[in-house]
Amino acid sequence: MSDYLKSMLRNAVQLGWGAVAVWLVHHNMPLSNNVSNWVVDGGVSLVILATMALIRWLEERKGTGVVSVYARAIGRVLMLGIGYTPSYPEPAAVPPASSPAQPSVMP
């Protein structure tokens, strides 16, 4: 599987968990009809963002302590076992652009 496909799959899984979080919040927090659409859209975006950030935070815990080990395990479960972070090749070094020649000014 290519790195691109793995990264797309990882993002889709995280977005799916965000959608589950939005569904849970929506069903447990009734909103009146007077609430603006942009407020609801902003809330949906924030819940998805927070869910994705939480999953990445869990996955990236360092150390050998109990909390770190369990956090990484929970992150792996939430990512459905896709614990591979894609690696992308470094771009080729671009030489610095030469500055245009400055005409000399004679007094």
C-alpha atoms as a PDB file:
ATOM      1  CA  MET A   1       0.000   0.000   0.000  1.00  0.00           C
ATOM      2  CA  SER A   2       1.456   3.376  -0.958  1.00  0.00           C
ATOM      3  CA  ASP A   3       2.183   6.065   1.620  1.00  0.00           C
ATOM      4  CA  TYR A   4      -0.405   8.300  -0.014  1.00  0.00           C
ATOM      5  CA  LEU A   5      -3.120   5.672   0.344  1.00  0.00           C
ATOM      6  CA  LYS A   6      -2.121   5.016   3.974  1.00  0.00           C
ATOM      7  CA  SER A   7      -2.301   8.724   4.792  1.00  0.00           C
ATOM      8  CA  MET A   8      -5.735   8.991   3.148  1.00  0.00           C
ATOM      9  CA  LEU A   9      -6.969   5.962   5.084  1.00  0.00           C
ATOM     10  CA  ARG A  10      -5.634   7.360   8.377  1.00  0.00           C
ATOM     11  CA  ASN A  11      -7.377  10.687   7.752  1.00  0.00           C
ATOM     12  CA  ALA A  12     -10.630   8.941   6.823  1.00  0.00           C
ATOM     13  CA  VAL A  13     -10.578   6.884  10.034  1.00  0.00           C
ATOM     14  CA  GLN A  14      -9.906   9.975  12.155  1.00  0.00           C
ATOM     15  CA  LEU A  15     -12.663  11.868  10.362  1.00  0.00           C
ATOM     16  CA  GLY A  16     -15.004   8.931  10.947  1.00  0.00           C
ATOM     17  CA  TRP A  17     -14.326   9.040  14.688  1.00  0.00           C
ATOM     18  CA  GLY A  18     -14.969  12.787  14.556  1.00  0.00           C
ATOM     19  CA  ALA A  19     -18.317  12.135  12.870  1.00  0.00           C
ATOM     20  CA  VAL A  20     -19.191   9.650  15.627  1.00  0.00           C
ATOM     21  CA  ALA A  21     -18.302  12.302  18.234  1.00  0.00           C
ATOM     22  CA  VAL A  22     -20.481  14.870  16.437  1.00  0.00           C
ATOM     23  CA  TRP A  23     -23.377  12.405  16.337  1.00  0.00           C
ATOM     24  CA  LEU A  24     -23.030  11.736  20.094  1.00  0.00           C
ATOM     25  CA  VAL A  25     -22.896  15.443  20.915  1.00  0.00           C
ATOM     26  CA  HIS A  26     -25.859  16.195  18.635  1.00  0.00           C
ATOM     27  CA  HIS A  27     -28.043  13.510  20.206  1.00  0.00           C
ATOM     28  CA  ASN A  28     -27.190  14.541  23.768  1.00  0.00           C
ATOM     29  CA  MET A  29     -27.404  18.320  23.340  1.00  0.00           C
ATOM     30  CA  PRO A  30     -30.671  19.488  21.820  1.00  0.00           C
ATOM     31  CA  LEU A  31     -30.494  22.798  19.968  1.00  0.00           C
ATOM     32  CA  SER A  32     -33.323  25.207  19.420  1.00  0.00           C
ATOM     33  CA  ASN A  33     -34.334  26.186  15.906  1.00  0.00           C
ATOM     34  CA  ASN A  34     -33.083  29.725  16.554  1.00  0.00           C
ATOM     35  CA  VAL A  35     -29.424  28.692  16.457  1.00  0.00           C
ATOM     36  CA  SER A  36     -27.616  29.970  13.367  1.00  0.00           C
ATOM     37  CA  ASN A  37     -26.264  27.500  10.842  1.00  0.00           C
ATOM     38  CA  TRP A  38     -22.755  28.933  11.137  1.00  0.00           C
ATOM     39  CA  VAL A  39     -22.783  28.196  14.879  1.00  0.00           C
ATOM     40  CA  VAL A  40     -23.730  24.573  14.226  1.00  0.00           C
ATOM     41  CA  ASP A  41     -21.142  24.265  11.423  1.00  0.00           C
ATOM     42  CA  GLY A  42     -18.460  25.758  13.646  1.00  0.00           C
ATOM     43  CA  GLY A  43     -19.371  23.384  16.460  1.00  0.00           C
ATOM     44  CA  VAL A  44     -19.182  20.382  14.127  1.00  0.00           C
ATOM     45  CA  SER A  45     -15.759  21.506  12.893  1.00  0.00           C
ATOM     46  CA  LEU A  46     -14.460  22.001  16.427  1.00  0.00           C
ATOM     47  CA  VAL A  47     -15.665  18.580  17.599  1.00  0.00           C
ATOM     48  CA  ILE A  48     -14.028  16.859  14.613  1.00  0.00           C
ATOM     49  CA  LEU A  49     -10.822  18.853  15.142  1.00  0.00           C
ATOM     50  CA  ALA A  50     -10.720  17.984  18.847  1.00  0.00           C
ATOM     51  CA  THR A  51     -11.316  14.296  18.117  1.00  0.00           C
ATOM     52  CA  MET A  52      -8.529  14.147  15.525  1.00  0.00           C
ATOM     53  CA  ALA A  53      -6.143  16.006  17.847  1.00  0.00           C
ATOM     54  CA  LEU A  54      -6.954  13.616  20.710  1.00  0.00           C
ATOM     55  CA  ILE A  55      -6.272  10.548  18.560  1.00  0.00           C
ATOM     56  CA  ARG A  56      -2.942  11.947  17.374  1.00  0.00           C
ATOM     57  CA  TRP A  57      -2.015  12.916  20.933  1.00  0.00           C
ATOM     58  CA  LEU A  58      -2.728   9.357  22.085  1.00  0.00           C
ATOM     59  CA  GLU A  59      -0.692   7.853  19.255  1.00  0.00           C
ATOM     60  CA  GLU A  60       2.361  10.034  19.849  1.00  0.00           C
ATOM     61  CA  ARG A  61       2.856   9.393  23.562  1.00  0.00           C
ATOM     62  CA  LYS A  62       6.503   8.646  24.300  1.00  0.00           C
ATOM     63  CA  GLY A  63       7.914   6.613  27.132  1.00  0.00           C
ATOM     64  CA  THR A  64       7.522   3.222  28.726  1.00  0.00           C
ATOM     65  CA  GLY A  65       5.230   4.163  31.597  1.00  0.00           C
ATOM     66  CA  VAL A  66       1.829   2.563  32.067  1.00  0.00           C
ATOM     67  CA  VAL A  67      -0.069   5.677  30.988  1.00  0.00           C
ATOM     68  CA  SER A  68       2.008   6.084  27.815  1.00  0.00           C
ATOM     69  CA  VAL A  69       1.666   2.426  26.866  1.00  0.00           C
ATOM     70  CA  TYR A  70      -2.110   2.456  27.378  1.00  0.00           C
ATOM     71  CA  ALA A  71      -2.481   5.772  25.551  1.00  0.00           C
ATOM     72  CA  ARG A  72      -0.646   4.368  22.511  1.00  0.00           C
ATOM     73  CA  ALA A  73      -2.738   1.187  22.672  1.00  0.00           C
ATOM     74  CA  ILE A  74      -5.975   3.194  22.750  1.00  0.00           C
ATOM     75  CA  GLY A  75      -4.698   5.274  19.830  1.00  0.00           C
ATOM     76  CA  ARG A  76      -3.957   2.094  17.857  1.00  0.00           C
ATOM     77  CA  VAL A  77      -7.440   0.721  18.563  1.00  0.00           C
ATOM     78  CA  LEU A  78      -9.073   3.994  17.510  1.00  0.00           C
ATOM     79  CA  MET A  79      -7.020   3.969  14.311  1.00  0.00           C
ATOM     80  CA  LEU A  80      -8.176   0.383  13.632  1.00  0.00           C
ATOM     81  CA  GLY A  81      -4.600  -0.864  13.787  1.00  0.00           C
ATOM     82  CA  ILE A  82      -3.244   1.564  11.201  1.00  0.00           C
ATOM     83  CA  GLY A  83      -0.325   2.604  13.368  1.00  0.00           C
ATOM     84  CA  TYR A  84       1.957   3.422  10.480  1.00  0.00           C
ATOM     85  CA  THR A  85       2.845   7.052   9.982  1.00  0.00           C
ATOM     86  CA  PRO A  86       3.650   7.635   6.320  1.00  0.00           C
ATOM     87  CA  SER A  87       7.147   8.820   5.480  1.00  0.00           C
ATOM     88  CA  TYR A  88       7.613  11.233   2.642  1.00  0.00           C
ATOM     89  CA  PRO A  89      10.858  11.683   0.710  1.00  0.00           C
ATOM     90  CA  GLU A  90      12.825  14.842   1.267  1.00  0.00           C
ATOM     91  CA  PRO A  91      12.618  17.258  -1.650  1.00  0.00           C
ATOM     92  CA  ALA A  92      15.780  17.801  -3.633  1.00  0.00           C
ATOM     93  CA  ALA A  93      17.876  20.722  -2.486  1.00  0.00           C
ATOM     94  CA  VAL A  94      17.312  23.815  -4.579  1.00  0.00           C
ATOM     95  CA  PRO A  95      20.339  26.033  -5.022  1.00  0.00           C
ATOM     96  CA  PRO A  96      19.811  29.595  -3.833  1.00  0.00           C
ATOM     97  CA  ALA A  97      18.821  32.028  -6.523  1.00  0.00           C
ATOM     98  CA  SER A  98      21.588  34.360  -7.536  1.00  0.00           C
ATOM     99  CA  SER A  99      20.851  37.993  -7.064  1.00  0.00           C
ATOM    100  CA  PRO A 100      20.661  40.088 -10.211  1.00  0.00           C
ATOM    101  CA  ALA A 101      23.794  42.049 -11.029  1.00  0.00           C
ATOM    102  CA  GLN A 102      23.734  45.535  -9.582  1.00  0.00           C
ATOM    103  CA  PRO A 103      24.931  48.223 -11.975  1.00  0.00           C
ATOM    104  CA  SER A 104      27.799  50.151 -10.530  1.00  0.00           C
ATOM    105  CA  VAL A 105      27.118  53.799  -9.949  1.00  0.00           C
ATOM    106  CA  MET A 106      29.878  56.206 -10.853  1.00  0.00           C
ATOM    107  CA  PRO A 107      29.991  59.586  -9.100  1.00  0.00           C
END
